[in-house]
N, C-alpha and C. Protein backbone atom coordinates (compact mmCIF):
# COMPACT_ATOMS: atom_id res chain seq x y z
N MET A 1 47.88 83.15 105.07
CA MET A 1 49.36 84.02 105.63
C MET A 1 48.97 84.58 107.16
N THR A 2 47.65 85.50 106.81
CA THR A 2 46.76 86.16 108.25
C THR A 2 46.66 85.01 109.12
N LEU A 3 46.34 83.20 108.31
CA LEU A 3 45.16 82.58 109.19
C LEU A 3 46.57 82.08 110.15
N ILE A 4 47.61 81.79 108.91
CA ILE A 4 48.68 80.87 109.99
C ILE A 4 49.19 81.94 111.61
N ALA A 5 49.14 83.10 111.34
CA ALA A 5 49.54 84.21 112.42
C ALA A 5 48.42 84.18 113.42
N ILE A 6 47.24 83.95 112.72
CA ILE A 6 45.76 83.82 113.82
C ILE A 6 46.11 82.92 114.63
N GLY A 7 46.38 81.56 114.01
CA GLY A 7 46.25 80.08 114.65
C GLY A 7 47.40 79.91 115.49
N PHE A 8 48.56 80.60 115.24
CA PHE A 8 50.04 80.98 115.79
C PHE A 8 49.71 81.72 117.57
N GLY A 9 49.07 83.18 117.50
CA GLY A 9 48.33 83.83 118.29
C GLY A 9 47.16 83.36 119.15
N ALA A 10 46.37 82.11 118.42
CA ALA A 10 45.24 81.71 119.27
C ALA A 10 46.29 80.71 120.32
N VAL A 11 46.95 80.05 120.00
CA VAL A 11 47.44 79.67 120.51
C VAL A 11 48.22 79.97 122.08
N PHE A 12 48.65 80.96 122.04
CA PHE A 12 49.23 81.82 123.06
C PHE A 12 48.10 82.45 123.97
N VAL A 13 47.26 82.74 123.21
CA VAL A 13 45.88 82.81 124.07
C VAL A 13 45.04 82.08 124.77
N LEU A 14 45.22 80.48 124.06
CA LEU A 14 44.00 79.55 124.93
C LEU A 14 45.27 79.10 126.23
N SER A 15 46.68 78.96 125.63
CA SER A 15 47.52 78.77 126.73
C SER A 15 47.56 79.36 128.23
N PHE A 16 47.46 80.96 127.92
CA PHE A 16 47.62 81.59 128.54
C PHE A 16 46.53 81.71 129.48
N TRP A 17 44.80 82.00 128.83
CA TRP A 17 44.11 82.07 129.38
C TRP A 17 44.05 80.75 130.34
N LEU A 18 44.23 79.32 129.77
CA LEU A 18 44.32 78.36 131.00
C LEU A 18 45.20 78.00 132.04
N SER A 19 46.24 79.35 131.63
CA SER A 19 47.12 79.48 133.06
C SER A 19 46.59 80.24 133.79
N ALA A 20 45.90 81.09 133.44
CA ALA A 20 45.50 82.25 133.98
C ALA A 20 43.84 81.06 135.16
N GLY A 21 43.25 80.50 134.34
CA GLY A 21 42.17 79.95 135.22
C GLY A 21 42.43 78.87 136.24
N THR A 22 43.58 78.40 136.02
CA THR A 22 44.15 77.20 136.60
C THR A 22 44.46 77.77 137.89
N GLY A 23 45.31 79.02 137.69
CA GLY A 23 46.10 79.40 138.61
C GLY A 23 45.20 80.10 139.88
N LYS A 24 43.54 80.72 138.82
CA LYS A 24 43.03 81.28 140.11
C LYS A 24 42.01 79.97 141.01
N ALA A 25 42.21 79.34 139.74
CA ALA A 25 41.24 78.12 140.44
C ALA A 25 41.80 77.87 141.94
N THR A 26 43.11 77.46 141.98
CA THR A 26 44.13 76.38 142.60
C THR A 26 44.41 77.36 143.67
N GLY A 27 44.63 79.03 143.66
CA GLY A 27 45.09 79.48 143.98
C GLY A 27 46.63 79.67 143.99
N SER A 28 47.32 78.82 143.31
CA SER A 28 48.68 78.72 143.05
C SER A 28 49.14 79.17 141.88
N SER A 29 49.98 80.32 141.72
CA SER A 29 50.55 80.87 140.42
C SER A 29 51.72 79.71 139.81
N LEU A 30 52.30 79.22 140.93
CA LEU A 30 53.22 77.54 139.93
C LEU A 30 52.18 76.67 139.70
N ALA A 31 51.43 76.36 139.80
CA ALA A 31 50.29 75.83 139.31
C ALA A 31 49.71 76.24 137.81
N GLY A 32 49.66 77.95 137.71
CA GLY A 32 49.14 77.82 136.84
C GLY A 32 49.91 78.34 135.57
N VAL A 33 51.22 78.18 136.18
CA VAL A 33 52.23 78.89 135.59
C VAL A 33 52.62 77.24 134.66
N LEU A 34 52.87 76.03 135.38
CA LEU A 34 52.56 74.85 134.67
C LEU A 34 51.79 73.89 133.92
N ALA A 35 50.50 74.83 134.48
CA ALA A 35 49.27 74.26 133.51
C ALA A 35 49.61 75.43 132.16
N GLY A 36 50.48 76.44 132.21
CA GLY A 36 50.36 77.01 130.78
C GLY A 36 51.27 76.51 130.21
N LEU A 37 52.35 76.48 130.70
CA LEU A 37 53.47 75.86 129.75
C LEU A 37 53.30 74.25 128.65
N ILE A 38 52.41 73.02 129.77
CA ILE A 38 51.92 72.04 129.57
C ILE A 38 50.81 72.61 128.32
N ALA A 39 50.11 73.34 128.41
CA ALA A 39 48.67 73.75 127.49
C ALA A 39 49.95 74.45 126.78
N PHE A 40 50.70 75.02 126.47
CA PHE A 40 51.13 75.72 125.38
C PHE A 40 52.23 74.85 124.13
N GLY A 41 53.11 74.07 125.12
CA GLY A 41 53.79 72.47 124.41
C GLY A 41 52.84 71.76 124.06
N LEU A 42 51.19 71.12 123.83
CA LEU A 42 50.78 70.42 123.46
C LEU A 42 49.83 71.24 122.07
N LEU A 43 49.49 72.53 122.92
CA LEU A 43 48.71 73.42 121.58
C LEU A 43 49.68 73.51 120.64
N MET A 44 51.00 74.08 120.80
CA MET A 44 52.00 74.58 119.89
C MET A 44 52.04 72.96 118.88
N ALA A 45 52.53 72.02 119.45
CA ALA A 45 52.65 70.55 118.66
C ALA A 45 51.14 70.57 118.10
N ALA A 46 50.38 70.48 118.25
CA ALA A 46 49.31 70.26 117.72
C ALA A 46 48.98 71.25 116.39
N TYR A 47 49.31 72.31 116.37
CA TYR A 47 49.27 73.55 115.27
C TYR A 47 50.53 73.41 114.51
N LEU A 48 51.39 72.93 114.96
CA LEU A 48 52.52 72.59 114.18
C LEU A 48 51.92 71.01 113.25
N ALA A 49 51.60 70.65 113.57
CA ALA A 49 51.09 68.86 113.11
C ALA A 49 49.90 69.62 112.33
N ALA A 50 49.27 70.37 112.39
CA ALA A 50 48.35 70.83 111.33
C ALA A 50 48.91 71.48 110.53
N LEU A 51 49.65 72.38 110.79
CA LEU A 51 50.28 73.62 109.41
C LEU A 51 50.80 72.61 108.14
N ALA A 52 51.39 71.23 109.01
CA ALA A 52 52.47 70.51 108.25
C ALA A 52 51.26 69.82 107.36
N ILE A 53 50.91 69.38 107.65
CA ILE A 53 49.68 68.46 106.83
C ILE A 53 48.71 69.69 106.22
N TRP A 54 48.86 70.55 106.02
CA TRP A 54 48.11 71.86 105.41
C TRP A 54 49.07 72.08 104.08
N LEU A 55 50.33 71.86 104.46
CA LEU A 55 51.56 72.44 103.79
C LEU A 55 51.48 71.60 103.05
N ARG A 56 51.93 70.19 103.47
CA ARG A 56 52.23 69.10 102.63
C ARG A 56 50.78 69.03 101.24
N ALA A 57 49.86 69.26 101.74
CA ALA A 57 48.64 69.35 100.78
C ALA A 57 48.87 70.27 100.00
N THR A 58 48.94 71.62 99.93
CA THR A 58 49.09 72.69 99.13
C THR A 58 50.01 72.19 97.89
N LEU A 59 51.85 71.95 98.74
CA LEU A 59 52.53 71.66 97.80
C LEU A 59 52.30 70.38 96.78
N ARG A 60 51.73 69.53 97.45
CA ARG A 60 51.28 68.49 96.43
C ARG A 60 50.21 68.58 95.59
N SER A 61 49.50 69.71 95.74
CA SER A 61 48.55 70.22 94.84
C SER A 61 49.03 70.84 93.74
N PHE A 62 50.33 72.01 94.24
CA PHE A 62 50.67 72.56 93.12
C PHE A 62 51.41 71.85 92.63
N VAL A 63 52.42 70.83 93.15
CA VAL A 63 53.12 69.39 92.09
C VAL A 63 52.56 69.13 91.05
N GLU A 64 51.18 68.30 91.51
CA GLU A 64 50.36 67.85 90.65
C GLU A 64 49.42 68.48 89.66
N THR A 65 49.53 69.98 90.02
CA THR A 65 48.58 70.61 88.89
C THR A 65 49.31 72.03 88.59
N TYR A 66 50.62 72.73 88.77
CA TYR A 66 50.74 73.34 88.05
C TYR A 66 52.46 73.25 87.74
N LEU A 67 52.86 72.31 88.28
CA LEU A 67 54.13 71.81 87.84
C LEU A 67 53.82 71.66 86.40
N PRO A 68 53.47 70.62 86.10
CA PRO A 68 53.35 70.14 84.55
C PRO A 68 53.04 71.21 83.66
N GLN A 69 51.98 72.41 84.04
CA GLN A 69 51.88 72.73 83.03
C GLN A 69 53.28 74.40 83.02
N LEU A 70 53.75 74.11 84.23
CA LEU A 70 55.23 74.98 84.06
C LEU A 70 55.68 74.55 83.23
N LEU A 71 56.56 73.56 83.17
CA LEU A 71 57.62 72.47 82.32
C LEU A 71 56.96 73.07 81.15
N GLU A 72 55.83 72.31 81.14
CA GLU A 72 55.51 72.54 79.36
C GLU A 72 55.45 73.97 78.77
N GLN A 73 55.40 75.18 79.35
CA GLN A 73 55.25 76.14 78.82
C GLN A 73 57.14 76.45 78.94
N LEU A 74 57.54 76.11 80.01
CA LEU A 74 59.38 76.00 79.63
C LEU A 74 59.66 75.49 78.65
N LEU A 75 59.24 74.28 78.47
CA LEU A 75 59.75 73.78 76.51
C LEU A 75 59.38 74.15 75.98
N LEU A 76 57.91 74.68 75.56
CA LEU A 76 57.77 75.41 74.48
C LEU A 76 58.46 76.87 74.49
N ILE A 77 59.01 77.24 75.15
CA ILE A 77 59.94 78.68 74.77
C ILE A 77 61.00 77.93 74.61
N LEU A 78 61.48 77.05 75.45
CA LEU A 78 62.92 76.26 74.53
C LEU A 78 62.94 76.04 73.15
N GLU A 79 61.97 75.23 73.18
CA GLU A 79 61.64 75.17 71.35
C GLU A 79 61.41 76.09 70.32
N GLN A 80 61.15 77.34 71.12
CA GLN A 80 61.03 78.49 70.23
C GLN A 80 62.59 79.47 69.90
N VAL A 81 62.85 79.42 71.03
CA VAL A 81 64.65 79.97 71.38
C VAL A 81 65.65 79.17 70.59
N ALA A 82 65.57 77.52 70.14
CA ALA A 82 66.72 77.22 70.02
C ALA A 82 66.76 77.17 68.58
N PRO A 83 65.75 77.79 67.71
CA PRO A 83 66.45 78.27 65.98
C PRO A 83 66.94 79.13 66.43
N LEU A 84 66.68 79.80 66.75
CA LEU A 84 67.32 81.70 67.11
C LEU A 84 68.56 81.72 67.56
N ARG A 85 69.10 80.46 68.42
CA ARG A 85 70.07 80.09 68.84
C ARG A 85 70.82 79.73 68.35
N GLU A 86 70.83 78.95 67.06
CA GLU A 86 71.15 78.44 66.08
C GLU A 86 72.09 79.01 65.04
N THR A 87 70.86 80.03 64.40
CA THR A 87 71.00 80.95 63.41
C THR A 87 72.01 82.07 64.10
N ILE A 88 72.59 82.23 65.34
CA ILE A 88 73.44 82.98 65.90
C ILE A 88 74.57 82.65 66.34
């Protein structure tokens, strides 16, 4: 979670840094604002794409490794509870 927040903050820092550098180099605040907005949009799109790829890999790993184990444990519990339920 901390790495996600750091990545999100890095997008803002990099886009504002580019905005300030462009504005200073051109002497135009409008050019700086436009460069910052374009950079923010591109960086945010790239960050969200990377985050989606990471999330997909994490969920796939969970489904392939832990979900079968959880289902197996659940079936074992149900097998133990079924005779108790019949006696009640």
